[in-house]
């Protein structure tokens, strides 16, 4: 067994490795809001445990053992998010912080009971894929709402979940996963987007649109 700090680092390194071409200690320090010295110390610890590798060009990568632990933590976290919403009435902007506290302490039996209670979900409330018990995770990449062209119809697949205030605003707009949308127009020079969301026209800022991931309607069918 490894401690909470090790689990947190492994999860962050795994997620950064998916979103970046390379994962570096400075990126980990920024994401976790810790000092470079703290990351250096932990990287040495991860190497000693054979959970991560660190190359001469300052690239971090997880070993198969490290990736297994990271995916287990992600599975716990996303199942807990879904459970907190469905069973306990939390809103989607509240579940991330609570799941972060609980993901390290639930037993495998509790995880299995949550999974069964929820009907074996494949995605969390924000649309992120939930790893399977054997460590598989669907890594389909989607474009952003901002990238849609006028007249193009799409379906929301997932949203960035790190900012509770942004999630509340997305909820006010109705931009939840599985929602049908249509790009009506795009103002020039970085202006706002005019989007039809479930039949209602709304104005969406381009920055916000970059946090909403969609698939064209023909792909979603």
Protein backbone atom coordinates (compact mmCIF):
# COMPACT_ATOMS: atom_id res chain seq x y z
CA UNK A 1 0.00 0.00 0.00
CA UNK A 2 1.11 3.56 -0.69
CA UNK A 3 0.06 6.73 1.10
CA UNK A 4 -2.29 9.48 0.02
CA UNK A 5 0.49 11.82 -1.13
CA UNK A 6 1.92 9.17 -3.46
CA UNK A 7 -1.56 8.44 -4.84
CA UNK A 8 -2.19 12.13 -5.49
CA UNK A 9 1.09 12.56 -7.37
CA UNK A 10 0.48 9.46 -9.48
CA UNK A 11 -2.99 10.68 -10.42
CA UNK A 12 -1.70 14.12 -11.41
CA UNK A 13 1.19 12.70 -13.46
CA UNK A 14 -1.21 10.36 -15.25
CA UNK A 15 -3.65 13.14 -16.13
CA UNK A 16 -0.89 15.49 -17.27
CA UNK A 17 0.56 12.72 -19.45
CA UNK A 18 -2.81 12.45 -21.21
CA UNK A 19 -3.19 16.18 -21.81
CA UNK A 20 0.44 17.10 -22.60
CA UNK A 21 3.01 15.71 -25.00
CA UNK A 22 5.36 15.38 -22.05
CA UNK A 23 4.94 15.67 -18.29
CA UNK A 24 7.60 17.59 -16.35
CA UNK A 25 8.16 18.24 -12.63
CA UNK A 26 7.40 21.95 -13.11
CA UNK A 27 3.97 21.07 -14.54
CA UNK A 28 3.29 18.81 -11.57
CA UNK A 29 4.34 21.56 -9.14
CA UNK A 30 2.02 24.04 -10.83
CA UNK A 31 -0.95 21.66 -10.97
CA UNK A 32 -0.57 20.62 -7.32
CA UNK A 33 0.43 24.08 -6.07
CA UNK A 34 3.56 22.79 -4.34
CA UNK A 35 7.22 23.79 -4.48
CA UNK A 36 9.64 22.34 -7.07
CA UNK A 37 11.67 20.95 -4.15
CA UNK A 38 8.65 18.99 -2.92
CA UNK A 39 8.14 17.51 -6.40
CA UNK A 40 11.82 16.57 -6.67
CA UNK A 41 11.61 14.75 -3.34
CA UNK A 42 8.47 12.89 -4.36
CA UNK A 43 9.86 11.94 -7.78
CA UNK A 44 12.79 10.26 -6.05
CA UNK A 45 10.33 8.42 -3.82
CA UNK A 46 8.28 7.27 -6.82
CA UNK A 47 11.42 6.00 -8.54
CA UNK A 48 12.40 4.07 -5.43
CA UNK A 49 8.96 2.45 -5.39
CA UNK A 50 9.23 1.67 -9.13
CA UNK A 51 6.08 3.71 -9.77
CA UNK A 52 7.55 6.35 -12.09
CA UNK A 53 10.53 7.06 -14.32
CA UNK A 54 12.38 10.33 -14.81
CA UNK A 55 14.51 10.84 -17.92
CA UNK A 56 17.40 13.20 -18.59
CA UNK A 57 15.17 15.54 -20.56
CA UNK A 58 13.07 16.03 -17.40
CA UNK A 59 10.15 13.93 -18.57
CA UNK A 60 8.07 12.04 -16.03
CA UNK A 61 6.22 8.83 -16.88
CA UNK A 62 4.45 6.19 -14.83
CA UNK A 63 5.45 2.55 -14.77
CA UNK A 64 2.69 -0.04 -15.23
CA UNK A 65 2.47 -0.33 -11.43
CA UNK A 66 2.17 3.44 -11.06
CA UNK A 67 -0.46 3.67 -13.78
CA UNK A 68 -2.51 0.94 -12.09
CA UNK A 69 -2.66 2.92 -8.85
CA UNK A 70 -3.47 6.17 -10.69
CA UNK A 71 -6.37 4.54 -12.55
CA UNK A 72 -7.68 3.01 -9.34
CA UNK A 73 -7.76 6.47 -7.71
CA UNK A 74 -9.46 7.97 -10.76
CA UNK A 75 -12.04 5.17 -10.68
CA UNK A 76 -12.74 5.78 -6.98
CA UNK A 77 -13.01 9.53 -7.54
CA UNK A 78 -15.39 9.41 -10.49
CA UNK A 79 -17.63 6.73 -9.00
CA UNK A 80 -17.85 8.78 -5.82
CA UNK A 81 -18.79 11.89 -7.81
CA UNK A 82 -21.64 9.99 -9.46
CA UNK A 83 -22.76 8.52 -6.14
CA UNK A 84 -22.71 11.86 -4.33
CA UNK A 85 -24.97 13.36 -6.99
CA UNK A 86 -27.39 10.49 -7.46
CA UNK A 87 -27.73 9.22 -3.90
CA UNK A 88 -26.94 12.23 -1.70
CA UNK A 89 -28.18 15.18 -3.71
CA UNK A 90 -24.88 17.00 -4.23
CA UNK A 91 -24.67 19.31 -7.25
CA UNK A 92 -22.07 18.75 -9.95
CA UNK A 93 -19.99 21.71 -8.75
CA UNK A 94 -19.76 20.22 -5.20
CA UNK A 95 -18.75 16.62 -5.88
CA UNK A 96 -15.10 17.05 -6.92
CA UNK A 97 -13.90 18.35 -3.54
CA UNK A 98 -15.81 15.72 -1.56
CA UNK A 99 -14.65 12.88 -3.81
CA UNK A 100 -11.05 14.09 -3.43
CA UNK A 101 -11.28 13.50 0.32
CA UNK A 102 -12.98 10.12 0.10
CA UNK A 103 -11.19 8.45 -2.81
CA UNK A 104 -8.23 7.40 -0.66
CA UNK A 105 -10.20 5.68 2.09
CA UNK A 106 -13.00 3.64 0.51
CA UNK A 107 -12.58 -0.13 0.40
CA UNK A 108 -12.76 -2.20 -2.76
CA UNK A 109 -16.01 -3.72 -1.50
CA UNK A 110 -17.51 -0.25 -1.05
CA UNK A 111 -16.35 0.69 -4.54
CA UNK A 112 -18.07 -2.39 -5.97
CA UNK A 113 -21.29 -1.62 -4.10
CA UNK A 114 -21.32 1.96 -5.40
CA UNK A 115 -20.72 0.70 -8.92
CA UNK A 116 -23.60 -1.77 -8.69
CA UNK A 117 -25.93 0.77 -7.04
CA UNK A 118 -25.33 3.22 -9.89
CA UNK A 119 -25.89 0.57 -12.56
CA UNK A 120 -22.21 0.35 -13.60
CA UNK A 121 -21.82 3.85 -15.08
CA UNK A 122 -19.22 4.50 -17.75
CA UNK A 123 -18.88 8.26 -17.16
CA UNK A 124 -18.98 10.64 -14.19
CA UNK A 125 -21.35 13.66 -13.90
CA UNK A 126 -18.93 15.86 -15.88
CA UNK A 127 -18.66 13.35 -18.73
CA UNK A 128 -15.22 12.00 -17.86
CA UNK A 129 -14.79 8.25 -18.44
CA UNK A 130 -14.70 5.96 -15.40
CA UNK A 131 -11.91 3.37 -15.58
CA UNK A 132 -13.08 -0.22 -15.39
CA UNK A 133 -12.10 -2.39 -12.47
CA UNK A 134 -9.40 -4.05 -14.59
CA UNK A 135 -7.84 -0.69 -15.47
CA UNK A 136 -9.24 0.14 -18.91
CA UNK A 137 -10.33 3.72 -19.61
CA UNK A 138 -11.95 5.07 -22.76
CA UNK A 139 -9.61 7.79 -24.05
CA UNK A 140 -11.67 9.11 -26.97
CA UNK A 141 -10.73 12.74 -27.57
CA UNK A 142 -13.34 15.31 -28.51
CA UNK A 143 -13.10 18.78 -29.98
CA UNK A 144 -14.35 21.84 -28.12
CA UNK A 145 -17.53 23.85 -28.52
CA UNK A 146 -15.36 26.79 -29.56
CA UNK A 147 -14.15 24.84 -32.60
CA UNK A 148 -17.63 24.24 -34.05
CA UNK A 149 -18.53 26.11 -37.22
CA UNK A 150 -21.81 28.03 -37.69
CA UNK A 151 -24.63 25.67 -38.59
CA UNK A 152 -22.89 22.64 -37.10
CA UNK A 153 -24.86 20.56 -34.60
CA UNK A 154 -23.20 18.60 -31.80
CA UNK A 155 -23.69 16.90 -28.45
CA UNK A 156 -21.85 17.87 -25.26
CA UNK A 157 -19.63 15.00 -24.13
CA UNK A 158 -17.76 16.37 -21.14
CA UNK A 159 -16.72 19.58 -19.41
CA UNK A 160 -13.64 20.62 -17.45
CA UNK A 161 -14.44 20.01 -13.78
CA UNK A 162 -11.75 21.86 -11.81
CA UNK A 163 -13.58 25.15 -11.21
CA UNK A 164 -16.84 24.99 -9.19
CA UNK A 165 -17.87 28.53 -10.22
CA UNK A 166 -17.46 27.65 -13.89
CA UNK A 167 -19.51 24.48 -13.41
CA UNK A 168 -22.32 26.47 -11.82
CA UNK A 169 -22.30 28.84 -14.80
CA UNK A 170 -22.24 25.96 -17.28
CA UNK A 171 -25.21 24.51 -15.41
CA UNK A 172 -27.07 27.82 -15.69
CA UNK A 173 -26.48 27.70 -19.45
CA UNK A 174 -27.66 24.09 -19.60
CA UNK A 175 -24.34 22.78 -20.93
CA UNK A 176 -24.47 19.33 -19.36
CA UNK A 177 -23.15 16.12 -20.95
CA UNK A 178 -25.56 14.63 -23.54
CA UNK A 179 -27.09 18.07 -24.26
CA UNK A 180 -27.79 18.86 -27.93
CA UNK A 181 -26.30 22.14 -29.18
CA UNK A 182 -25.94 24.05 -32.44
CA UNK A 183 -23.42 26.75 -33.31
CA UNK A 184 -25.43 29.68 -34.70
CA UNK A 185 -22.71 32.28 -35.19
CA UNK A 186 -19.24 33.32 -34.05
CA UNK A 187 -18.40 36.98 -33.55
CA UNK A 188 -15.08 37.98 -35.17
CA UNK A 189 -11.84 38.93 -33.40
CA UNK A 190 -12.33 36.61 -30.45
CA UNK A 191 -15.91 37.68 -29.78
CA UNK A 192 -18.58 35.55 -28.17
CA UNK A 193 -20.32 32.48 -29.59
CA UNK A 194 -24.04 32.32 -30.26
CA UNK A 195 -25.17 28.80 -29.44
CA UNK A 196 -28.55 27.07 -29.44
CA UNK A 197 -28.65 24.90 -26.31
CA UNK A 198 -31.59 22.47 -26.14
CA UNK A 199 -33.52 24.81 -28.40
CA UNK A 200 -32.68 28.07 -26.60
CA UNK A 201 -30.22 30.61 -27.99
CA UNK A 202 -27.49 31.64 -25.57
CA UNK A 203 -24.27 33.66 -25.72
CA UNK A 204 -21.13 31.77 -24.67
CA UNK A 205 -17.65 33.25 -24.26
CA UNK A 206 -14.90 31.64 -26.30
CA UNK A 207 -12.81 30.87 -23.22
CA UNK A 208 -15.73 29.07 -21.63
CA UNK A 209 -16.35 27.26 -24.92
CA UNK A 210 -12.81 25.85 -24.76
CA UNK A 211 -13.80 23.94 -21.59
CA UNK A 212 -16.80 22.22 -23.21
CA UNK A 213 -15.98 19.13 -25.25
CA UNK A 214 -18.38 17.96 -27.94
CA UNK A 215 -18.87 15.47 -30.74
CA UNK A 216 -20.60 16.37 -34.02
CA UNK A 217 -24.20 15.18 -34.16
CA UNK A 218 -23.51 12.70 -36.94
CA UNK A 219 -20.84 11.04 -34.76
CA UNK A 220 -23.12 11.01 -31.71
CA UNK A 221 -25.97 9.28 -33.53
